[in-house]
C-alpha atoms as a PDB file:
ATOM      1  CA  MET A   1     -35.594  54.236   7.733  1.00  0.00           C
ATOM      2  CA  LEU A   2     -38.749  54.176   9.830  1.00  0.00           C
ATOM      3  CA  VAL A   3     -39.790  57.573  11.099  1.00  0.00           C
ATOM      4  CA  VAL A   4     -40.071  58.534  14.774  1.00  0.00           C
ATOM      5  CA  ARG A   5     -43.279  57.150  16.272  1.00  0.00           C
ATOM      6  CA  GLY A   6     -44.526  60.453  17.653  1.00  0.00           C
ATOM      7  CA  LEU A   7     -44.549  61.996  14.175  1.00  0.00           C
ATOM      8  CA  LEU A   8     -47.003  59.381  12.948  1.00  0.00           C
ATOM      9  CA  TYR A   9     -49.116  58.174  15.835  1.00  0.00           C
ATOM     10  CA  LYS A  10     -50.853  59.658  18.869  1.00  0.00           C
ATOM     11  CA  GLU A  11     -50.970  57.309  21.847  1.00  0.00           C
ATOM     12  CA  LYS A  12     -54.470  56.422  23.069  1.00  0.00           C
ATOM     13  CA  THR A  13     -55.980  55.572  26.439  1.00  0.00           C
ATOM     14  CA  LEU A  14     -57.814  52.306  26.992  1.00  0.00           C
ATOM     15  CA  ASP A  15     -61.170  54.099  26.760  1.00  0.00           C
ATOM     16  CA  ASP A  16     -60.195  55.521  23.378  1.00  0.00           C
ATOM     17  CA  PHE A  17     -60.304  51.981  21.970  1.00  0.00           C
ATOM     18  CA  ASP A  18     -64.040  51.570  22.631  1.00  0.00           C
ATOM     19  CA  ILE A  19     -63.638  48.322  24.555  1.00  0.00           C
ATOM     20  CA  ASP A  20     -67.298  48.472  25.626  1.00  0.00           C
ATOM     21  CA  GLY A  21     -68.832  48.746  22.155  1.00  0.00           C
ATOM     22  CA  ASP A  22     -70.481  45.601  20.849  1.00  0.00           C
ATOM     23  CA  ASP A  23     -69.397  46.442  17.294  1.00  0.00           C
ATOM     24  CA  SER A  24     -65.779  47.136  18.294  1.00  0.00           C
ATOM     25  CA  ILE A  25     -63.054  44.632  17.486  1.00  0.00           C
ATOM     26  CA  PHE A  26     -61.147  46.007  20.460  1.00  0.00           C
ATOM     27  CA  LYS A  27     -63.867  44.616  22.714  1.00  0.00           C
ATOM     28  CA  LYS A  28     -63.108  41.184  21.217  1.00  0.00           C
ATOM     29  CA  PHE A  29     -59.406  41.718  21.835  1.00  0.00           C
ATOM     30  CA  PHE A  30     -59.981  42.994  25.376  1.00  0.00           C
ATOM     31  CA  GLU A  31     -62.183  40.110  26.436  1.00  0.00           C
ATOM     32  CA  LEU A  32     -59.729  37.597  25.007  1.00  0.00           C
ATOM     33  CA  LEU A  33     -56.705  39.218  26.602  1.00  0.00           C
ATOM     34  CA  LEU A  34     -58.354  38.979  30.012  1.00  0.00           C
ATOM     35  CA  THR A  35     -58.246  35.190  29.622  1.00  0.00           C
ATOM     36  CA  MET A  36     -54.547  35.059  28.678  1.00  0.00           C
ATOM     37  CA  ASP A  37     -51.460  34.960  30.866  1.00  0.00           C
ATOM     38  CA  GLY A  38     -49.963  38.413  31.298  1.00  0.00           C
ATOM     39  CA  THR A  39     -53.204  40.331  30.875  1.00  0.00           C
ATOM     40  CA  ARG A  40     -55.524  38.631  33.333  1.00  0.00           C
ATOM     41  CA  VAL A  41     -57.170  40.797  35.980  1.00  0.00           C
ATOM     42  CA  THR A  42     -54.836  39.227  38.552  1.00  0.00           C
ATOM     43  CA  ASP A  43     -51.686  40.298  36.686  1.00  0.00           C
ATOM     44  CA  LEU A  44     -49.707  43.394  37.617  1.00  0.00           C
ATOM     45  CA  ASN A  45     -50.393  46.612  35.667  1.00  0.00           C
ATOM     46  CA  VAL A  46     -52.972  44.866  33.518  1.00  0.00           C
ATOM     47  CA  GLU A  47     -54.640  48.049  32.223  1.00  0.00           C
ATOM     48  CA  ASN A  48     -51.324  49.616  31.254  1.00  0.00           C
ATOM     49  CA  ASN A  49     -50.183  46.383  29.641  1.00  0.00           C
ATOM     50  CA  ILE A  50     -53.290  46.033  27.475  1.00  0.00           C
ATOM     51  CA  THR A  51     -53.278  49.720  26.539  1.00  0.00           C
ATOM     52  CA  SER A  52     -49.636  49.522  25.515  1.00  0.00           C
ATOM     53  CA  MET A  53     -50.275  46.436  23.380  1.00  0.00           C
ATOM     54  CA  PHE A  54     -53.263  48.075  21.668  1.00  0.00           C
ATOM     55  CA  ASN A  55     -51.146  51.143  20.908  1.00  0.00           C
ATOM     56  CA  ASP A  56     -48.304  49.062  19.512  1.00  0.00           C
ATOM     57  CA  ALA A  57     -50.715  47.188  17.244  1.00  0.00           C
ATOM     58  CA  CYS A  58     -52.251  50.426  15.955  1.00  0.00           C
ATOM     59  CA  TYR A  59     -48.871  52.045  15.445  1.00  0.00           C
ATOM     60  CA  ILE A  60     -47.732  49.067  13.356  1.00  0.00           C
ATOM     61  CA  CYS A  61     -50.891  49.335  11.258  1.00  0.00           C
ATOM     62  CA  THR A  62     -50.284  53.065  10.794  1.00  0.00           C
ATOM     63  CA  VAL A  63     -46.752  52.387   9.567  1.00  0.00           C
ATOM     64  CA  ALA A  64     -48.032  49.615   7.283  1.00  0.00           C
ATOM     65  CA  MET A  65     -50.283  52.115   5.532  1.00  0.00           C
ATOM     66  CA  ILE A  66     -47.367  54.453   4.807  1.00  0.00           C
ATOM     67  CA  ILE A  67     -44.257  52.497   3.884  1.00  0.00           C
ATOM     68  CA  LYS A  68     -43.788  50.764   0.566  1.00  0.00           C
ATOM     69  CA  ARG A  69     -43.133  47.182   1.692  1.00  0.00           C
ATOM     70  CA  PRO A  70     -44.348  46.638   5.266  1.00  0.00           C
ATOM     71  CA  ALA A  71     -44.000  42.856   4.921  1.00  0.00           C
ATOM     72  CA  LEU A  72     -40.208  43.322   4.888  1.00  0.00           C
ATOM     73  CA  GLN A  73     -40.395  45.035   8.287  1.00  0.00           C
ATOM     74  CA  LEU A  74     -41.750  42.079  10.265  1.00  0.00           C
ATOM     75  CA  GLY A  75     -38.458  41.789  12.152  1.00  0.00           C
ATOM     76  CA  TYR A  76     -38.661  45.465  13.086  1.00  0.00           C
ATOM     77  CA  PHE A  77     -42.256  45.063  14.223  1.00  0.00           C
ATOM     78  CA  ARG A  78     -41.365  42.086  16.441  1.00  0.00           C
ATOM     79  CA  GLU A  79     -38.429  44.002  17.890  1.00  0.00           C
ATOM     80  CA  LEU A  80     -40.684  46.986  18.610  1.00  0.00           C
ATOM     81  CA  CYS A  81     -42.962  44.722  20.642  1.00  0.00           C
ATOM     82  CA  ASN A  82     -40.020  43.072  22.373  1.00  0.00           C
ATOM     83  CA  GLN A  83     -38.717  46.387  23.651  1.00  0.00           C
ATOM     84  CA  LYS A  84     -41.507  46.538  26.213  1.00  0.00           C
ATOM     85  CA  THR A  85     -40.632  44.747  29.452  1.00  0.00           C
ATOM     86  CA  PHE A  86     -43.175  44.326  32.230  1.00  0.00           C
ATOM     87  CA  LYS A  87     -41.290  43.164  35.293  1.00  0.00           C
ATOM     88  CA  GLY A  88     -43.063  40.547  37.354  1.00  0.00           C
ATOM     89  CA  THR A  89     -45.499  39.584  34.601  1.00  0.00           C
ATOM     90  CA  TYR A  90     -45.749  36.853  32.014  1.00  0.00           C
ATOM     91  CA  TYR A  91     -44.796  39.336  29.308  1.00  0.00           C
ATOM     92  CA  SER A  92     -41.335  39.860  30.775  1.00  0.00           C
ATOM     93  CA  THR A  93     -40.362  37.202  28.203  1.00  0.00           C
ATOM     94  CA  ASN A  94     -41.594  39.566  25.440  1.00  0.00           C
ATOM     95  CA  GLU A  95     -41.912  36.883  22.735  1.00  0.00           C
ATOM     96  CA  ALA A  96     -45.423  36.083  23.905  1.00  0.00           C
ATOM     97  CA  ARG A  97     -46.252  39.783  23.886  1.00  0.00           C
ATOM     98  CA  ALA A  98     -45.006  40.160  20.321  1.00  0.00           C
ATOM     99  CA  ASP A  99     -47.152  37.205  19.220  1.00  0.00           C
ATOM    100  CA  VAL A 100     -50.253  38.767  20.739  1.00  0.00           C
ATOM    101  CA  VAL A 101     -49.618  42.210  19.257  1.00  0.00           C
ATOM    102  CA  LEU A 102     -49.084  40.701  15.798  1.00  0.00           C
ATOM    103  CA  CYS A 103     -52.305  38.710  16.149  1.00  0.00           C
ATOM    104  CA  MET A 104     -54.113  41.986  16.713  1.00  0.00           C
ATOM    105  CA  VAL A 105     -52.305  43.626  13.782  1.00  0.00           C
ATOM    106  CA  TYR A 106     -53.491  40.811  11.523  1.00  0.00           C
ATOM    107  CA  PHE A 107     -57.142  41.268  12.443  1.00  0.00           C
ATOM    108  CA  LEU A 108     -56.990  45.063  12.499  1.00  0.00           C
ATOM    109  CA  LEU A 109     -55.680  45.045   8.940  1.00  0.00           C
ATOM    110  CA  LYS A 110     -58.284  42.482   7.950  1.00  0.00           C
ATOM    111  CA  HIS A 111     -61.036  44.841   9.111  1.00  0.00           C
ATOM    112  CA  CYS A 112     -59.512  48.061   7.757  1.00  0.00           C
ATOM    113  CA  SER A 113     -61.358  49.579   4.812  1.00  0.00           C
ATOM    114  CA  GLU A 114     -58.092  51.002   3.398  1.00  0.00           C
ATOM    115  CA  GLY A 115     -56.436  47.612   3.118  1.00  0.00           C
ATOM    116  CA  ASN A 116     -54.433  47.015  -0.056  1.00  0.00           C
ATOM    117  CA  ASP A 117     -51.962  44.584  -1.595  1.00  0.00           C
ATOM    118  CA  LYS A 118     -49.082  45.674   0.621  1.00  0.00           C
ATOM    119  CA  THR A 119     -51.070  45.251   3.828  1.00  0.00           C
ATOM    120  CA  LYS A 120     -52.316  41.878   2.579  1.00  0.00           C
ATOM    121  CA  ASN A 121     -48.697  40.864   2.084  1.00  0.00           C
ATOM    122  CA  LEU A 122     -47.948  41.880   5.660  1.00  0.00           C
ATOM    123  CA  MET A 123     -50.920  39.838   6.858  1.00  0.00           C
ATOM    124  CA  SER A 124     -49.573  36.862   4.942  1.00  0.00           C
ATOM    125  CA  VAL A 125     -46.123  37.012   6.536  1.00  0.00           C
ATOM    126  CA  ILE A 126     -47.666  37.499   9.988  1.00  0.00           C
ATOM    127  CA  ASP A 127     -49.860  34.463   9.385  1.00  0.00           C
ATOM    128  CA  THR A 128     -46.839  32.345   8.407  1.00  0.00           C
ATOM    129  CA  ASN A 129     -44.721  33.657  11.281  1.00  0.00           C
ATOM    130  CA  LEU A 130     -47.339  32.916  13.926  1.00  0.00           C
ATOM    131  CA  ARG A 131     -48.103  29.480  12.522  1.00  0.00           C
ATOM    132  CA  GLU A 132     -44.509  28.356  12.144  1.00  0.00           C
ATOM    133  CA  ARG A 133     -42.447  30.164  14.793  1.00  0.00           C
ATOM    134  CA  SER A 134     -43.435  27.889  17.673  1.00  0.00           C
ATOM    135  CA  ARG A 135     -46.230  25.773  19.066  1.00  0.00           C
ATOM    136  CA  GLU A 136     -46.986  28.557  21.544  1.00  0.00           C
ATOM    137  CA  SER A 137     -47.252  31.235  18.869  1.00  0.00           C
ATOM    138  CA  TYR A 138     -49.585  29.038  16.847  1.00  0.00           C
ATOM    139  CA  ASP A 139     -51.776  28.442  19.913  1.00  0.00           C
ATOM    140  CA  ARG A 140     -52.049  32.198  20.559  1.00  0.00           C
ATOM    141  CA  TYR A 141     -52.905  32.835  16.930  1.00  0.00           C
ATOM    142  CA  GLU A 142     -55.546  30.110  17.002  1.00  0.00           C
ATOM    143  CA  ARG A 143     -57.186  31.667  20.049  1.00  0.00           C
ATOM    144  CA  PHE A 144     -57.451  35.008  18.279  1.00  0.00           C
ATOM    145  CA  PHE A 145     -58.738  33.318  15.145  1.00  0.00           C
ATOM    146  CA  ASN A 146     -61.498  31.537  17.085  1.00  0.00           C
ATOM    147  CA  VAL A 147     -62.657  34.803  18.651  1.00  0.00           C
ATOM    148  CA  CYS A 148     -62.108  37.312  15.829  1.00  0.00           C
ATOM    149  CA  ASN A 149     -62.551  35.492  12.542  1.00  0.00           C
ATOM    150  CA  SER A 150     -66.347  35.724  12.661  1.00  0.00           C
ATOM    151  CA  PHE A 151     -66.268  39.466  13.430  1.00  0.00           C
ATOM    152  CA  ASP A 152     -67.855  41.275  10.481  1.00  0.00           C
ATOM    153  CA  GLY A 153     -67.455  44.918  11.472  1.00  0.00           C
ATOM    154  CA  MET A 154     -65.060  47.378   9.867  1.00  0.00           C
ATOM    155  CA  LEU A 155     -62.911  50.083  11.377  1.00  0.00           C
ATOM    156  CA  SER A 156     -63.949  53.608  10.467  1.00  0.00           C
ATOM    157  CA  PRO A 157     -62.255  55.048   7.346  1.00  0.00           C
ATOM    158  CA  GLY A 158     -59.015  56.777   8.183  1.00  0.00           C
ATOM    159  CA  TYR A 159     -58.586  54.949  11.491  1.00  0.00           C
ATOM    160  CA  PHE A 160     -54.889  54.451  10.792  1.00  0.00           C
ATOM    161  CA  ASN A 161     -54.203  57.865   9.305  1.00  0.00           C
ATOM    162  CA  LYS A 162     -51.029  59.395  10.672  1.00  0.00           C
ATOM    163  CA  ILE A 163     -51.384  62.427  12.929  1.00  0.00           C
ATOM    164  CA  THR A 164     -51.579  65.952  11.548  1.00  0.00           C
ATOM    165  CA  ILE A 165     -48.263  67.762  11.890  1.00  0.00           C
ATOM    166  CA  THR A 166     -48.544  71.190  13.485  1.00  0.00           C
ATOM    167  CA  PRO A 167     -45.943  73.557  14.970  1.00  0.00           C
ATOM    168  CA  GLU A 168     -47.200  72.529  18.416  1.00  0.00           C
ATOM    169  CA  VAL A 169     -46.681  68.818  17.684  1.00  0.00           C
ATOM    170  CA  LEU A 170     -43.117  69.455  16.571  1.00  0.00           C
ATOM    171  CA  GLU A 171     -42.371  71.743  19.502  1.00  0.00           C
ATOM    172  CA  ASN A 172     -43.675  69.244  22.046  1.00  0.00           C
ATOM    173  CA  MET A 173     -41.644  66.422  20.509  1.00  0.00           C
ATOM    174  CA  ASN A 174     -38.304  68.249  20.575  1.00  0.00           C
ATOM    175  CA  THR A 175     -37.079  65.890  17.838  1.00  0.00           C
ATOM    176  CA  ASN A 176     -33.372  65.385  17.170  1.00  0.00           C
ATOM    177  CA  TRP A 177     -33.435  65.419  13.379  1.00  0.00           C
ATOM    178  CA  LYS A 178     -29.702  64.851  13.069  1.00  0.00           C
ATOM    179  CA  THR A 179     -29.972  61.544  14.899  1.00  0.00           C
ATOM    180  CA  ILE A 180     -33.038  60.181  13.148  1.00  0.00           C
ATOM    181  CA  THR A 181     -31.706  61.060   9.692  1.00  0.00           C
ATOM    182  CA  GLY A 182     -28.236  59.615  10.194  1.00  0.00           C
ATOM    183  CA  ASN A 183     -26.406  62.934  10.458  1.00  0.00           C
ATOM    184  CA  PHE A 184     -28.613  64.565   7.806  1.00  0.00           C
ATOM    185  CA  ASP A 185     -28.000  61.822   5.262  1.00  0.00           C
ATOM    186  CA  LYS A 186     -29.577  62.973   1.989  1.00  0.00           C
ATOM    187  CA  LYS A 187     -31.217  59.639   1.206  1.00  0.00           C
ATOM    188  CA  GLN A 188     -32.734  59.420   4.669  1.00  0.00           C
ATOM    189  CA  LEU A 189     -33.871  63.031   4.511  1.00  0.00           C
ATOM    190  CA  SER A 190     -35.622  62.443   1.210  1.00  0.00           C
ATOM    191  CA  GLU A 191     -37.296  59.315   2.515  1.00  0.00           C
ATOM    192  CA  LEU A 192     -38.400  61.065   5.680  1.00  0.00           C
ATOM    193  CA  VAL A 193     -40.119  64.018   4.032  1.00  0.00           C
ATOM    194  CA  SER A 194     -41.770  61.731   1.475  1.00  0.00           C
ATOM    195  CA  TYR A 195     -44.095  60.448   4.212  1.00  0.00           C
ATOM    196  CA  TRP A 196     -46.044  63.719   4.079  1.00  0.00           C
ATOM    197  CA  LYS A 197     -47.912  64.480   0.852  1.00  0.00           C
ATOM    198  CA  ASP A 198     -49.736  67.490   2.268  1.00  0.00           C
ATOM    199  CA  PRO A 199     -47.546  70.502   1.314  1.00  0.00           C
ATOM    200  CA  HIS A 200     -48.167  72.426   4.550  1.00  0.00           C
ATOM    201  CA  GLN A 201     -47.252  69.511   6.826  1.00  0.00           C
ATOM    202  CA  ARG A 202     -44.293  68.575   4.645  1.00  0.00           C
ATOM    203  CA  ASN A 203     -42.986  72.135   4.774  1.00  0.00           C
ATOM    204  CA  LEU A 204     -43.271  72.194   8.557  1.00  0.00           C
ATOM    205  CA  ILE A 205     -41.065  69.112   8.703  1.00  0.00           C
ATOM    206  CA  ILE A 206     -38.581  70.638   6.255  1.00  0.00           C
ATOM    207  CA  ASP A 207     -38.496  73.920   8.167  1.00  0.00           C
ATOM    208  CA  ALA A 208     -37.825  72.090  11.444  1.00  0.00           C
ATOM    209  CA  ILE A 209     -34.983  70.115   9.859  1.00  0.00           C
ATOM    210  CA  GLU A 210     -33.507  73.240   8.280  1.00  0.00           C
ATOM    211  CA  GLU A 211     -33.636  75.099  11.594  1.00  0.00           C
ATOM    212  CA  GLU A 212     -31.693  72.352  13.360  1.00  0.00           C
ATOM    213  CA  LEU A 213     -29.339  71.952  10.415  1.00  0.00           C
ATOM    214  CA  ASN A 214     -28.526  75.647  10.318  1.00  0.00           C
ATOM    215  CA  SER A 215     -27.958  75.783  14.049  1.00  0.00           C
ATOM    216  CA  SER A 216     -25.445  72.934  13.718  1.00  0.00           C
ATOM    217  CA  LEU A 217     -23.521  74.804  10.974  1.00  0.00           C
ATOM    218  CA  PHE A 218     -24.061  71.992   8.494  1.00  0.00           C
ATOM    219  CA  ASP A 219     -23.301  73.471   5.061  1.00  0.00           C
ATOM    220  CA  ASP A 220     -24.659  70.966   2.520  1.00  0.00           C
ATOM    221  CA  ASP A 221     -27.952  71.742   0.800  1.00  0.00           C
ATOM    222  CA  LEU A 222     -31.032  69.770   1.694  1.00  0.00           C
ATOM    223  CA  PRO A 223     -32.153  67.398  -1.077  1.00  0.00           C
ATOM    224  CA  PHE A 224     -35.582  68.969  -1.577  1.00  0.00           C
END
């Protein structure tokens, strides 16, 4: 089970990505995207499209830092990217969009100071997927490689830390815990709360689940 996006990641604006900083990899991404179909200045909704792609890439990296085997979730990551449809633009096909987002994921993980064996494994499967999926995917990957491979900067430590859970965050999300845990399935519940090691944040999640569980008259004990 992969947890609800809003519990892990706060969406950013385009300015939040520091696209004007010379030492920012997002500037490299931004300048390259402006030369590619779907994100040229003449395309519809170009700012929203680029911002959405940046956020998807960062969300995937955030998930990769948390779950045990992110390399096994490549299909999920491609599907996440394919869910975004931009009518009237090149990315209405979605496959091209997924290729581009995964290119950015590869280079974001490469320049993340918290990289480890599991994120390297994800990078490896992304590399293989982009090289072998199609001629077009390989061409997109090659364009990113030519622009980004010489970049020697690093993202700031903690860049892909998940958000801090607070009562306000949970209240604003109005999460349906029954749905995301498969009707309060014990295995899914245990996996969900394991994402938070901080006792205070973990207890906030547990309390929110218990509140919904009790209101639904579900009698089984929680597995924690």
